[in-house]
Amino acid sequence: MNRSTAAVANAFFLFAGVAGLIIQIASGVPGFPDIPPGPFILGSTGILVLTLAARFRWILFLGIVAPTFILVGALLEGSFWGRLADVGDFGPFVGTVLLIGGVIAAATCGVVAVSQAYRRVAAR
């Protein structure tokens, strides 16, 4: 079984979210812990989706859960709205755009990948 395009896109957008978090950390956005869990959560999920989704369909559900978890955390924390509004502070702005855009797109691609994977099984 091959990886679907949606699964590859899911992993790509998870890695885009990782890049956004790293840019935010490197540009000095306050409030991140010494070892932030976000890059590890999104990055390891992206690796799992790329390497194991063709063999184990249930891995694709992680491609929905992980970005949704990060997005809900960002919404509850709430400070990303200020970073999105301040275009002049380029590093935090770009990092936030990559993170929020990446996790929204990753969750969407994850839903598509899961529906494609399980639709193929039901059609057999």
PDB file of N, CA and C in Angstrom:
ATOM      1  N   MET A   1       0.849  -1.178   0.000  1.00  0.00           N
ATOM      2  CA  MET A   1       0.000   0.000   0.000  1.00  0.00           C
ATOM      3  C   MET A   1       0.895   1.241   0.000  1.00  0.00           C
ATOM      4  N   ASN A   2       0.586   2.190  -0.844  1.00  0.00           N
ATOM      5  CA  ASN A   2       1.359   3.417  -0.938  1.00  0.00           C
ATOM      6  C   ASN A   2       0.781   4.491  -0.036  1.00  0.00           C
ATOM      7  N   ARG A   3       1.633   5.469   0.257  1.00  0.00           N
ATOM      8  CA  ARG A   3       1.159   6.630   1.005  1.00  0.00           C
ATOM      9  C   ARG A   3       0.267   7.468   0.104  1.00  0.00           C
ATOM     10  N   SER A   4      -0.790   7.992   0.655  1.00  0.00           N
ATOM     11  CA  SER A   4      -1.656   8.868  -0.132  1.00  0.00           C
ATOM     12  C   SER A   4      -1.059  10.268  -0.171  1.00  0.00           C
ATOM     13  N   THR A   5      -1.478  11.027  -1.148  1.00  0.00           N
ATOM     14  CA  THR A   5      -1.029  12.413  -1.255  1.00  0.00           C
ATOM     15  C   THR A   5      -1.473  13.210  -0.039  1.00  0.00           C
ATOM     16  N   ALA A   6      -2.646  12.917   0.477  1.00  0.00           N
ATOM     17  CA  ALA A   6      -3.146  13.622   1.658  1.00  0.00           C
ATOM     18  C   ALA A   6      -2.290  13.320   2.884  1.00  0.00           C
ATOM     19  N   ALA A   7      -1.795  12.088   3.016  1.00  0.00           N
ATOM     20  CA  ALA A   7      -0.929  11.748   4.147  1.00  0.00           C
ATOM     21  C   ALA A   7       0.403  12.473   4.042  1.00  0.00           C
ATOM     22  N   VAL A   8       0.954  12.565   2.837  1.00  0.00           N
ATOM     23  CA  VAL A   8       2.210  13.299   2.641  1.00  0.00           C
ATOM     24  C   VAL A   8       1.992  14.784   2.921  1.00  0.00           C
ATOM     25  N   ALA A   9       0.869  15.332   2.465  1.00  0.00           N
ATOM     26  CA  ALA A   9       0.554  16.736   2.739  1.00  0.00           C
ATOM     27  C   ALA A   9       0.360  16.961   4.234  1.00  0.00           C
ATOM     28  N   ASN A  10      -0.261  16.005   4.916  1.00  0.00           N
ATOM     29  CA  ASN A  10      -0.432  16.087   6.360  1.00  0.00           C
ATOM     30  C   ASN A  10       0.919  16.201   7.051  1.00  0.00           C
ATOM     31  N   ALA A  11       1.860  15.338   6.679  1.00  0.00           N
ATOM     32  CA  ALA A  11       3.196  15.384   7.275  1.00  0.00           C
ATOM     33  C   ALA A  11       3.902  16.691   6.934  1.00  0.00           C
ATOM     34  N   PHE A  12       3.770  17.165   5.696  1.00  0.00           N
ATOM     35  CA  PHE A  12       4.400  18.420   5.288  1.00  0.00           C
ATOM     36  C   PHE A  12       3.915  19.575   6.159  1.00  0.00           C
ATOM     37  N   PHE A  13       2.617  19.665   6.371  1.00  0.00           N
ATOM     38  CA  PHE A  13       2.081  20.767   7.167  1.00  0.00           C
ATOM     39  C   PHE A  13       2.408  20.608   8.651  1.00  0.00           C
ATOM     40  N   LEU A  14       2.556  19.381   9.129  1.00  0.00           N
ATOM     41  CA  LEU A  14       3.039  19.189  10.499  1.00  0.00           C
ATOM     42  C   LEU A  14       4.452  19.740  10.636  1.00  0.00           C
ATOM     43  N   PHE A  15       5.300  19.486   9.636  1.00  0.00           N
ATOM     44  CA  PHE A  15       6.666  20.014   9.661  1.00  0.00           C
ATOM     45  C   PHE A  15       6.674  21.535   9.501  1.00  0.00           C
ATOM     46  N   ALA A  16       5.710  22.092   8.770  1.00  0.00           N
ATOM     47  CA  ALA A  16       5.590  23.552   8.678  1.00  0.00           C
ATOM     48  C   ALA A  16       5.263  24.137  10.052  1.00  0.00           C
ATOM     49  N   GLY A  17       4.413  23.452  10.812  1.00  0.00           N
ATOM     50  CA  GLY A  17       4.122  23.881  12.175  1.00  0.00           C
ATOM     51  C   GLY A  17       5.351  23.834  13.061  1.00  0.00           C
ATOM     52  N   VAL A  18       6.178  22.806  12.890  1.00  0.00           N
ATOM     53  CA  VAL A  18       7.438  22.717  13.639  1.00  0.00           C
ATOM     54  C   VAL A  18       8.327  23.904  13.290  1.00  0.00           C
ATOM     55  N   ALA A  19       8.427  24.223  12.002  1.00  0.00           N
ATOM     56  CA  ALA A  19       9.244  25.362  11.574  1.00  0.00           C
ATOM     57  C   ALA A  19       8.729  26.654  12.196  1.00  0.00           C
ATOM     58  N   GLY A  20       7.414  26.815  12.244  1.00  0.00           N
ATOM     59  CA  GLY A  20       6.839  28.000  12.864  1.00  0.00           C
ATOM     60  C   GLY A  20       7.171  28.105  14.339  1.00  0.00           C
ATOM     61  N   LEU A  21       7.101  26.992  15.049  1.00  0.00           N
ATOM     62  CA  LEU A  21       7.460  27.002  16.472  1.00  0.00           C
ATOM     63  C   LEU A  21       8.934  27.326  16.672  1.00  0.00           C
ATOM     64  N   ILE A  22       9.793  26.756  15.840  1.00  0.00           N
ATOM     65  CA  ILE A  22      11.229  27.015  15.970  1.00  0.00           C
ATOM     66  C   ILE A  22      11.536  28.480  15.680  1.00  0.00           C
ATOM     67  N   ILE A  23      10.878  29.057  14.681  1.00  0.00           N
ATOM     68  CA  ILE A  23      11.078  30.481  14.381  1.00  0.00           C
ATOM     69  C   ILE A  23      10.626  31.338  15.560  1.00  0.00           C
ATOM     70  N   GLN A  24       9.505  30.995  16.164  1.00  0.00           N
ATOM     71  CA  GLN A  24       9.035  31.755  17.324  1.00  0.00           C
ATOM     72  C   GLN A  24      10.018  31.661  18.485  1.00  0.00           C
ATOM     73  N   ILE A  25      10.521  30.471  18.743  1.00  0.00           N
ATOM     74  CA  ILE A  25      11.467  30.288  19.843  1.00  0.00           C
ATOM     75  C   ILE A  25      12.751  31.050  19.559  1.00  0.00           C
ATOM     76  N   ALA A  26      13.256  30.945  18.317  1.00  0.00           N
ATOM     77  CA  ALA A  26      14.506  31.613  17.950  1.00  0.00           C
ATOM     78  C   ALA A  26      14.367  33.131  17.954  1.00  0.00           C
ATOM     79  N   SER A  27      13.180  33.642  17.655  1.00  0.00           N
ATOM     80  CA  SER A  27      13.000  35.094  17.629  1.00  0.00           C
ATOM     81  C   SER A  27      12.675  35.669  19.005  1.00  0.00           C
ATOM     82  N   GLY A  28      12.617  34.826  20.014  1.00  0.00           N
ATOM     83  CA  GLY A  28      12.490  35.305  21.383  1.00  0.00           C
ATOM     84  C   GLY A  28      11.081  35.584  21.855  1.00  0.00           C
ATOM     85  N   VAL A  29      10.111  34.878  21.342  1.00  0.00           N
ATOM     86  CA  VAL A  29       8.737  35.043  21.826  1.00  0.00           C
ATOM     87  C   VAL A  29       8.690  34.572  23.277  1.00  0.00           C
ATOM     88  N   PRO A  30       8.217  35.420  24.193  1.00  0.00           N
ATOM     89  CA  PRO A  30       8.195  35.017  25.603  1.00  0.00           C
ATOM     90  C   PRO A  30       7.119  33.970  25.882  1.00  0.00           C
ATOM     91  N   GLY A  31       7.346  33.202  26.937  1.00  0.00           N
ATOM     92  CA  GLY A  31       6.344  32.255  27.390  1.00  0.00           C
ATOM     93  C   GLY A  31       6.590  30.812  27.014  1.00  0.00           C
ATOM     94  N   PHE A  32       7.620  30.541  26.209  1.00  0.00           N
ATOM     95  CA  PHE A  32       7.916  29.154  25.868  1.00  0.00           C
ATOM     96  C   PHE A  32       8.724  28.517  26.996  1.00  0.00           C
ATOM     97  N   PRO A  33       8.452  27.264  27.337  1.00  0.00           N
ATOM     98  CA  PRO A  33       9.271  26.584  28.350  1.00  0.00           C
ATOM     99  C   PRO A  33      10.680  26.322  27.820  1.00  0.00           C
ATOM    100  N   ASP A  34      11.578  25.921  28.710  1.00  0.00           N
ATOM    101  CA  ASP A  34      12.962  25.654  28.297  1.00  0.00           C
ATOM    102  C   ASP A  34      13.023  24.598  27.202  1.00  0.00           C
ATOM    103  N   ILE A  35      12.242  23.552  27.342  1.00  0.00           N
ATOM    104  CA  ILE A  35      12.149  22.515  26.307  1.00  0.00           C
ATOM    105  C   ILE A  35      10.675  22.429  25.909  1.00  0.00           C
ATOM    106  N   PRO A  36      10.282  23.168  24.864  1.00  0.00           N
ATOM    107  CA  PRO A  36       8.869  23.175  24.484  1.00  0.00           C
ATOM    108  C   PRO A  36       8.450  21.854  23.841  1.00  0.00           C
ATOM    109  N   PRO A  37       7.293  21.337  24.213  1.00  0.00           N
ATOM    110  CA  PRO A  37       6.860  20.044  23.676  1.00  0.00           C
ATOM    111  C   PRO A  37       6.294  20.109  22.258  1.00  0.00           C
ATOM    112  N   GLY A  38       5.861  21.276  21.814  1.00  0.00           N
ATOM    113  CA  GLY A  38       5.207  21.399  20.514  1.00  0.00           C
ATOM    114  C   GLY A  38       5.999  20.856  19.338  1.00  0.00           C
ATOM    115  N   PRO A  39       7.282  21.251  19.178  1.00  0.00           N
ATOM    116  CA  PRO A  39       8.041  20.711  18.048  1.00  0.00           C
ATOM    117  C   PRO A  39       8.194  19.193  18.101  1.00  0.00           C
ATOM    118  N   PHE A  40       8.318  18.644  19.293  1.00  0.00           N
ATOM    119  CA  PHE A  40       8.453  17.191  19.422  1.00  0.00           C
ATOM    120  C   PHE A  40       7.140  16.484  19.084  1.00  0.00           C
ATOM    121  N   ILE A  41       6.025  17.057  19.523  1.00  0.00           N
ATOM    122  CA  ILE A  41       4.718  16.457  19.235  1.00  0.00           C
ATOM    123  C   ILE A  41       4.446  16.470  17.738  1.00  0.00           C
ATOM    124  N   LEU A  42       4.593  17.644  17.116  1.00  0.00           N
ATOM    125  CA  LEU A  42       4.295  17.758  15.688  1.00  0.00           C
ATOM    126  C   LEU A  42       5.318  17.014  14.835  1.00  0.00           C
ATOM    127  N   GLY A  43       6.602  17.125  15.196  1.00  0.00           N
ATOM    128  CA  GLY A  43       7.647  16.469  14.405  1.00  0.00           C
ATOM    129  C   GLY A  43       7.567  14.956  14.455  1.00  0.00           C
ATOM    130  N   SER A  44       7.376  14.410  15.656  1.00  0.00           N
ATOM    131  CA  SER A  44       7.291  12.947  15.751  1.00  0.00           C
ATOM    132  C   SER A  44       6.026  12.427  15.068  1.00  0.00           C
ATOM    133  N   THR A  45       4.946  13.187  15.138  1.00  0.00           N
ATOM    134  CA  THR A  45       3.731  12.780  14.432  1.00  0.00           C
ATOM    135  C   THR A  45       3.948  12.800  12.927  1.00  0.00           C
ATOM    136  N   GLY A  46       4.630  13.825  12.430  1.00  0.00           N
ATOM    137  CA  GLY A  46       4.936  13.886  10.996  1.00  0.00           C
ATOM    138  C   GLY A  46       5.784  12.716  10.536  1.00  0.00           C
ATOM    139  N   ILE A  47       6.770  12.353  11.339  1.00  0.00           N
ATOM    140  CA  ILE A  47       7.625  11.206  10.998  1.00  0.00           C
ATOM    141  C   ILE A  47       6.811   9.915  11.007  1.00  0.00           C
ATOM    142  N   LEU A  48       5.961   9.745  12.018  1.00  0.00           N
ATOM    143  CA  LEU A  48       5.123   8.540  12.079  1.00  0.00           C
ATOM    144  C   LEU A  48       4.176   8.449  10.889  1.00  0.00           C
ATOM    145  N   VAL A  49       3.577   9.571  10.515  1.00  0.00           N
ATOM    146  CA  VAL A  49       2.656   9.563   9.373  1.00  0.00           C
ATOM    147  C   VAL A  49       3.407   9.204   8.095  1.00  0.00           C
ATOM    148  N   LEU A  50       4.596   9.773   7.913  1.00  0.00           N
ATOM    149  CA  LEU A  50       5.360   9.479   6.694  1.00  0.00           C
ATOM    150  C   LEU A  50       5.838   8.036   6.631  1.00  0.00           C
ATOM    151  N   THR A  51       6.252   7.493   7.765  1.00  0.00           N
ATOM    152  CA  THR A  51       6.883   6.172   7.734  1.00  0.00           C
ATOM    153  C   THR A  51       5.914   5.012   7.945  1.00  0.00           C
ATOM    154  N   LEU A  52       4.870   5.197   8.724  1.00  0.00           N
ATOM    155  CA  LEU A  52       4.033   4.059   9.107  1.00  0.00           C
ATOM    156  C   LEU A  52       2.597   4.102   8.606  1.00  0.00           C
ATOM    157  N   ALA A  53       2.160   5.215   8.037  1.00  0.00           N
ATOM    158  CA  ALA A  53       0.746   5.326   7.655  1.00  0.00           C
ATOM    159  C   ALA A  53       0.361   4.358   6.549  1.00  0.00           C
ATOM    160  N   ALA A  54       1.302   4.018   5.682  1.00  0.00           N
ATOM    161  CA  ALA A  54       0.973   3.078   4.603  1.00  0.00           C
ATOM    162  C   ALA A  54       0.717   1.677   5.151  1.00  0.00           C
ATOM    163  N   ARG A  55       1.331   1.358   6.279  1.00  0.00           N
ATOM    164  CA  ARG A  55       1.181   0.022   6.852  1.00  0.00           C
ATOM    165  C   ARG A  55       0.083  -0.049   7.915  1.00  0.00           C
ATOM    166  N   PHE A  56       0.010   0.995   8.745  1.00  0.00           N
ATOM    167  CA  PHE A  56      -0.972   1.043   9.834  1.00  0.00           C
ATOM    168  C   PHE A  56      -1.856   2.274   9.640  1.00  0.00           C
ATOM    169  N   ARG A  57      -3.088   2.059   9.214  1.00  0.00           N
ATOM    170  CA  ARG A  57      -3.974   3.190   8.927  1.00  0.00           C
ATOM    171  C   ARG A  57      -4.278   4.033  10.157  1.00  0.00           C
ATOM    172  N   TRP A  58      -4.292   3.435  11.337  1.00  0.00           N
ATOM    173  CA  TRP A  58      -4.662   4.169  12.537  1.00  0.00           C
ATOM    174  C   TRP A  58      -3.678   5.288  12.853  1.00  0.00           C
ATOM    175  N   ILE A  59      -2.455   5.206  12.321  1.00  0.00           N
ATOM    176  CA  ILE A  59      -1.467   6.268  12.528  1.00  0.00           C
ATOM    177  C   ILE A  59      -1.992   7.592  11.971  1.00  0.00           C
ATOM    178  N   LEU A  60      -2.810   7.521  10.931  1.00  0.00           N
ATOM    179  CA  LEU A  60      -3.341   8.744  10.327  1.00  0.00           C
ATOM    180  C   LEU A  60      -4.183   9.553  11.308  1.00  0.00           C
ATOM    181  N   PHE A  61      -4.790   8.892  12.293  1.00  0.00           N
ATOM    182  CA  PHE A  61      -5.560   9.627  13.289  1.00  0.00           C
ATOM    183  C   PHE A  61      -4.662  10.553  14.112  1.00  0.00           C
ATOM    184  N   LEU A  62      -3.399  10.170  14.297  1.00  0.00           N
ATOM    185  CA  LEU A  62      -2.463  11.051  14.998  1.00  0.00           C
ATOM    186  C   LEU A  62      -2.254  12.346  14.227  1.00  0.00           C
ATOM    187  N   GLY A  63      -2.346  12.271  12.899  1.00  0.00           N
ATOM    188  CA  GLY A  63      -2.215  13.459  12.064  1.00  0.00           C
ATOM    189  C   GLY A  63      -3.379  14.423  12.205  1.00  0.00           C
ATOM    190  N   ILE A  64      -4.434  13.995  12.873  1.00  0.00           N
ATOM    191  CA  ILE A  64      -5.548  14.886  13.204  1.00  0.00           C
ATOM    192  C   ILE A  64      -5.430  15.344  14.657  1.00  0.00           C
ATOM    193  N   VAL A  65      -5.116  14.409  15.548  1.00  0.00           N
ATOM    194  CA  VAL A  65      -5.104  14.696  16.982  1.00  0.00           C
ATOM    195  C   VAL A  65      -3.990  15.675  17.356  1.00  0.00           C
ATOM    196  N   ALA A  66      -2.774  15.461  16.852  1.00  0.00           N
ATOM    197  CA  ALA A  66      -1.639  16.304  17.248  1.00  0.00           C
ATOM    198  C   ALA A  66      -1.823  17.769  16.847  1.00  0.00           C
ATOM    199  N   PRO A  67      -2.157  18.082  15.585  1.00  0.00           N
ATOM    200  CA  PRO A  67      -2.331  19.501  15.268  1.00  0.00           C
ATOM    201  C   PRO A  67      -3.542  20.127  15.956  1.00  0.00           C
ATOM    202  N   THR A  68      -4.591  19.330  16.181  1.00  0.00           N
ATOM    203  CA  THR A  68      -5.749  19.857  16.898  1.00  0.00           C
ATOM    204  C   THR A  68      -5.372  20.185  18.335  1.00  0.00           C
ATOM    205  N   PHE A  69      -4.567  19.333  18.960  1.00  0.00           N
ATOM    206  CA  PHE A  69      -4.085  19.571  20.322  1.00  0.00           C
ATOM    207  C   PHE A  69      -3.289  20.876  20.396  1.00  0.00           C
ATOM    208  N   ILE A  70      -2.377  21.083  19.446  1.00  0.00           N
ATOM    209  CA  ILE A  70      -1.559  22.300  19.435  1.00  0.00           C
ATOM    210  C   ILE A  70      -2.435  23.523  19.160  1.00  0.00           C
ATOM    211  N   LEU A  71      -3.386  23.404  18.239  1.00  0.00           N
ATOM    212  CA  LEU A  71      -4.262  24.531  17.911  1.00  0.00           C
ATOM    213  C   LEU A  71      -5.143  24.910  19.097  1.00  0.00           C
ATOM    214  N   VAL A  72      -5.709  23.927  19.777  1.00  0.00           N
ATOM    215  CA  VAL A  72      -6.535  24.220  20.952  1.00  0.00           C
ATOM    216  C   VAL A  72      -5.684  24.873  22.036  1.00  0.00           C
ATOM    217  N   GLY A  73      -4.463  24.391  22.229  1.00  0.00           N
ATOM    218  CA  GLY A  73      -3.564  25.016  23.197  1.00  0.00           C
ATOM    219  C   GLY A  73      -3.258  26.461  22.848  1.00  0.00           C
ATOM    220  N   ALA A  74      -3.024  26.733  21.565  1.00  0.00           N
ATOM    221  CA  ALA A  74      -2.752  28.107  21.135  1.00  0.00           C
ATOM    222  C   ALA A  74      -3.978  28.995  21.336  1.00  0.00           C
ATOM    223  N   LEU A  75      -5.151  28.462  21.036  1.00  0.00           N
ATOM    224  CA  LEU A  75      -6.373  29.247  21.223  1.00  0.00           C
ATOM    225  C   LEU A  75      -6.635  29.529  22.698  1.00  0.00           C
ATOM    226  N   LEU A  76      -6.396  28.550  23.555  1.00  0.00           N
ATOM    227  CA  LEU A  76      -6.611  28.754  24.986  1.00  0.00           C
ATOM    228  C   LEU A  76      -5.599  29.729  25.568  1.00  0.00           C
ATOM    229  N   GLU A  77      -4.355  29.647  25.093  1.00  0.00           N
ATOM    230  CA  GLU A  77      -3.311  30.544  25.591  1.00  0.00           C
ATOM    231  C   GLU A  77      -3.546  31.960  25.076  1.00  0.00           C
ATOM    232  N   GLY A  78      -3.918  32.102  23.822  1.00  0.00           N
ATOM    233  CA  GLY A  78      -4.420  33.357  23.296  1.00  0.00           C
ATOM    234  C   GLY A  78      -3.446  34.425  22.855  1.00  0.00           C
ATOM    235  N   SER A  79      -2.165  34.310  23.150  1.00  0.00           N
ATOM    236  CA  SER A  79      -1.250  35.404  22.812  1.00  0.00           C
ATOM    237  C   SER A  79      -0.871  35.438  21.340  1.00  0.00           C
ATOM    238  N   PHE A  80      -1.232  34.416  20.576  1.00  0.00           N
ATOM    239  CA  PHE A  80      -0.850  34.423  19.168  1.00  0.00           C
ATOM    240  C   PHE A  80      -1.608  35.488  18.382  1.00  0.00           C
ATOM    241  N   TRP A  81      -2.770  35.924  18.866  1.00  0.00           N
ATOM    242  CA  TRP A  81      -3.516  36.976  18.165  1.00  0.00           C
ATOM    243  C   TRP A  81      -2.697  38.256  18.102  1.00  0.00           C
ATOM    244  N   GLY A  82      -2.017  38.589  19.190  1.00  0.00           N
ATOM    245  CA  GLY A  82      -1.178  39.784  19.211  1.00  0.00           C
ATOM    246  C   GLY A  82      -0.005  39.677  18.256  1.00  0.00           C
ATOM    247  N   ARG A  83       0.569  38.480  18.141  1.00  0.00           N
ATOM    248  CA  ARG A  83       1.686  38.289  17.208  1.00  0.00           C
ATOM    249  C   ARG A  83       1.213  38.359  15.763  1.00  0.00           C
ATOM    250  N   LEU A  84      -0.001  37.898  15.494  1.00  0.00           N
ATOM    251  CA  LEU A  84      -0.548  38.006  14.138  1.00  0.00           C
ATOM    252  C   LEU A  84      -0.888  39.451  13.784  1.00  0.00           C
ATOM    253  N   ALA A  85      -1.252  40.241  14.774  1.00  0.00           N
ATOM    254  CA  ALA A  85      -1.618  41.632  14.521  1.00  0.00           C
ATOM    255  C   ALA A  85      -0.402  42.526  14.325  1.00  0.00           C
ATOM    256  N   ASP A  86       0.762  42.122  14.841  1.00  0.00           N
ATOM    257  CA  ASP A  86       1.970  42.951  14.771  1.00  0.00           C
ATOM    258  C   ASP A  86       2.871  42.466  13.642  1.00  0.00           C
ATOM    259  N   VAL A  87       2.569  42.909  12.420  1.00  0.00           N
ATOM    260  CA  VAL A  87       3.337  42.486  11.250  1.00  0.00           C
ATOM    261  C   VAL A  87       4.759  43.036  11.304  1.00  0.00           C
ATOM    262  N   GLY A  88       4.967  44.149  11.983  1.00  0.00           N
ATOM    263  CA  GLY A  88       6.290  44.760  12.070  1.00  0.00           C
ATOM    264  C   GLY A  88       7.293  43.909  12.830  1.00  0.00           C
ATOM    265  N   ASP A  89       6.834  43.106  13.758  1.00  0.00           N
ATOM    266  CA  ASP A  89       7.718  42.191  14.491  1.00  0.00           C
ATOM    267  C   ASP A  89       7.791  40.905  13.669  1.00  0.00           C
ATOM    268  N   PHE A  90       8.691  40.899  12.684  1.00  0.00           N
ATOM    269  CA  PHE A  90       8.659  39.926  11.595  1.00  0.00           C
ATOM    270  C   PHE A  90       8.831  38.476  12.049  1.00  0.00           C
ATOM    271  N   GLY A  91       9.793  38.184  12.910  1.00  0.00           N
ATOM    272  CA  GLY A  91      10.051  36.809  13.336  1.00  0.00           C
ATOM    273  C   GLY A  91       8.859  36.151  14.007  1.00  0.00           C
ATOM    274  N   PRO A  92       8.322  36.767  15.065  1.00  0.00           N
ATOM    275  CA  PRO A  92       7.145  36.170  15.699  1.00  0.00           C
ATOM    276  C   PRO A  92       5.935  36.092  14.771  1.00  0.00           C
ATOM    277  N   PHE A  93       5.774  37.087  13.888  1.00  0.00           N
ATOM    278  CA  PHE A  93       4.654  37.066  12.948  1.00  0.00           C
ATOM    279  C   PHE A  93       4.765  35.879  11.998  1.00  0.00           C
ATOM    280  N   VAL A  94       5.926  35.711  11.362  1.00  0.00           N
ATOM    281  CA  VAL A  94       6.112  34.610  10.404  1.00  0.00           C
ATOM    282  C   VAL A  94       5.990  33.261  11.110  1.00  0.00           C
ATOM    283  N   GLY A  95       6.581  33.148  12.301  1.00  0.00           N
ATOM    284  CA  GLY A  95       6.481  31.902  13.050  1.00  0.00           C
ATOM    285  C   GLY A  95       5.051  31.550  13.398  1.00  0.00           C
ATOM    286  N   THR A  96       4.279  32.547  13.789  1.00  0.00           N
ATOM    287  CA  THR A  96       2.883  32.304  14.140  1.00  0.00           C
ATOM    288  C   THR A  96       2.056  31.937  12.915  1.00  0.00           C
ATOM    289  N   VAL A  97       2.302  32.618  11.789  1.00  0.00           N
ATOM    290  CA  VAL A  97       1.580  32.284  10.555  1.00  0.00           C
ATOM    291  C   VAL A  97       1.884  30.847  10.140  1.00  0.00           C
ATOM    292  N   LEU A  98       3.166  30.465  10.198  1.00  0.00           N
ATOM    293  CA  LEU A  98       3.535  29.090   9.843  1.00  0.00           C
ATOM    294  C   LEU A  98       2.903  28.080  10.794  1.00  0.00           C
ATOM    295  N   LEU A  99       2.935  28.380  12.082  1.00  0.00           N
ATOM    296  CA  LEU A  99       2.376  27.452  13.067  1.00  0.00           C
ATOM    297  C   LEU A  99       0.868  27.295  12.890  1.00  0.00           C
ATOM    298  N   ILE A 100       0.145  28.391  12.923  1.00  0.00           N
ATOM    299  CA  ILE A 100      -1.317  28.315  12.872  1.00  0.00           C
ATOM    300  C   ILE A 100      -1.783  27.793  11.514  1.00  0.00           C
ATOM    301  N   GLY A 101      -1.197  28.312  10.441  1.00  0.00           N
ATOM    302  CA  GLY A 101      -1.551  27.810   9.110  1.00  0.00           C
ATOM    303  C   GLY A 101      -1.198  26.348   8.946  1.00  0.00           C
ATOM    304  N   GLY A 102      -0.038  25.958   9.480  1.00  0.00           N
ATOM    305  CA  GLY A 102       0.403  24.569   9.370  1.00  0.00           C
ATOM    306  C   GLY A 102      -0.499  23.601  10.105  1.00  0.00           C
ATOM    307  N   VAL A 103      -0.887  23.943  11.332  1.00  0.00           N
ATOM    308  CA  VAL A 103      -1.713  22.994  12.086  1.00  0.00           C
ATOM    309  C   VAL A 103      -3.143  22.931  11.546  1.00  0.00           C
ATOM    310  N   ILE A 104      -3.663  24.055  11.048  1.00  0.00           N
ATOM    311  CA  ILE A 104      -5.003  24.012  10.441  1.00  0.00           C
ATOM    312  C   ILE A 104      -4.974  23.158   9.177  1.00  0.00           C
ATOM    313  N   ALA A 105      -3.962  23.389   8.328  1.00  0.00           N
ATOM    314  CA  ALA A 105      -3.849  22.606   7.091  1.00  0.00           C
ATOM    315  C   ALA A 105      -3.550  21.140   7.392  1.00  0.00           C
ATOM    316  N   ALA A 106      -2.724  20.878   8.417  1.00  0.00           N
ATOM    317  CA  ALA A 106      -2.402  19.492   8.771  1.00  0.00           C
ATOM    318  C   ALA A 106      -3.639  18.750   9.260  1.00  0.00           C
ATOM    319  N   ALA A 107      -4.437  19.396  10.085  1.00  0.00           N
ATOM    320  CA  ALA A 107      -5.659  18.744  10.564  1.00  0.00           C
ATOM    321  C   ALA A 107      -6.619  18.470   9.405  1.00  0.00           C
ATOM    322  N   THR A 108      -6.719  19.415   8.483  1.00  0.00           N
ATOM    323  CA  THR A 108      -7.590  19.228   7.322  1.00  0.00           C
ATOM    324  C   THR A 108      -7.100  18.078   6.447  1.00  0.00           C
ATOM    325  N   CYS A 109      -5.800  18.070   6.156  1.00  0.00           N
ATOM    326  CA  CYS A 109      -5.234  16.979   5.347  1.00  0.00           C
ATOM    327  C   CYS A 109      -5.332  15.646   6.078  1.00  0.00           C
ATOM    328  N   GLY A 110      -5.237  15.678   7.406  1.00  0.00           N
ATOM    329  CA  GLY A 110      -5.390  14.457   8.181  1.00  0.00           C
ATOM    330  C   GLY A 110      -6.780  13.866   8.049  1.00  0.00           C
ATOM    331  N   VAL A 111      -7.796  14.717   8.077  1.00  0.00           N
ATOM    332  CA  VAL A 111      -9.173  14.240   7.895  1.00  0.00           C
ATOM    333  C   VAL A 111      -9.336  13.630   6.509  1.00  0.00           C
ATOM    334  N   VAL A 112      -8.776  14.286   5.495  1.00  0.00           N
ATOM    335  CA  VAL A 112      -8.866  13.756   4.131  1.00  0.00           C
ATOM    336  C   VAL A 112      -8.131  12.422   4.028  1.00  0.00           C
ATOM    337  N   ALA A 113      -6.942  12.336   4.630  1.00  0.00           N
ATOM    338  CA  ALA A 113      -6.158  11.095   4.566  1.00  0.00           C
ATOM    339  C   ALA A 113      -6.881   9.942   5.251  1.00  0.00           C
ATOM    340  N   VAL A 114      -7.469  10.200   6.407  1.00  0.00           N
ATOM    341  CA  VAL A 114      -8.212   9.151   7.116  1.00  0.00           C
ATOM    342  C   VAL A 114      -9.421   8.714   6.299  1.00  0.00           C
ATOM    343  N   SER A 115     -10.149   9.676   5.750  1.00  0.00           N
ATOM    344  CA  SER A 115     -11.339   9.302   4.974  1.00  0.00           C
ATOM    345  C   SER A 115     -10.959   8.516   3.727  1.00  0.00           C
ATOM    346  N   GLN A 116      -9.851   8.873   3.077  1.00  0.00           N
ATOM    347  CA  GLN A 116      -9.409   8.110   1.907  1.00  0.00           C
ATOM    348  C   GLN A 116      -8.965   6.703   2.296  1.00  0.00           C
ATOM    349  N   ALA A 117      -8.230   6.587   3.387  1.00  0.00           N
ATOM    350  CA  ALA A 117      -7.715   5.279   3.798  1.00  0.00           C
ATOM    351  C   ALA A 117      -8.846   4.327   4.166  1.00  0.00           C
ATOM    352  N   TYR A 118      -9.830   4.814   4.886  1.00  0.00           N
ATOM    353  CA  TYR A 118     -10.913   3.940   5.314  1.00  0.00           C
ATOM    354  C   TYR A 118     -11.980   3.769   4.244  1.00  0.00           C
ATOM    355  N   ARG A 119     -12.063   4.670   3.298  1.00  0.00           N
ATOM    356  CA  ARG A 119     -12.988   4.493   2.180  1.00  0.00           C
ATOM    357  C   ARG A 119     -12.502   3.358   1.297  1.00  0.00           C
ATOM    358  N   ARG A 120     -11.188   3.265   1.088  1.00  0.00           N
ATOM    359  CA  ARG A 120     -10.634   2.183   0.276  1.00  0.00           C
ATOM    360  C   ARG A 120     -10.919   0.826   0.905  1.00  0.00           C
ATOM    361  N   VAL A 121     -10.862   0.751   2.222  1.00  0.00           N
ATOM    362  CA  VAL A 121     -11.120  -0.511   2.910  1.00  0.00           C
ATOM    363  C   VAL A 121     -12.587  -0.888   2.776  1.00  0.00           C
ATOM    364  N   ALA A 122     -13.470   0.070   2.905  1.00  0.00           N
ATOM    365  CA  ALA A 122     -14.899  -0.215   2.822  1.00  0.00           C
ATOM    366  C   ALA A 122     -15.308  -0.618   1.406  1.00  0.00           C
ATOM    367  N   ALA A 123     -14.580  -0.134   0.411  1.00  0.00           N
ATOM    368  CA  ALA A 123     -14.927  -0.430  -0.978  1.00  0.00           C
ATOM    369  C   ALA A 123     -14.490  -1.828  -1.402  1.00  0.00           C
ATOM    370  N   ARG A 124     -13.583  -2.446  -0.668  1.00  0.00           N
ATOM    371  CA  ARG A 124     -13.073  -3.773  -1.050  1.00  0.00           C
ATOM    372  C   ARG A 124     -14.066  -4.857  -0.833  1.00  0.00           C
TER     373      ARG A 124
END
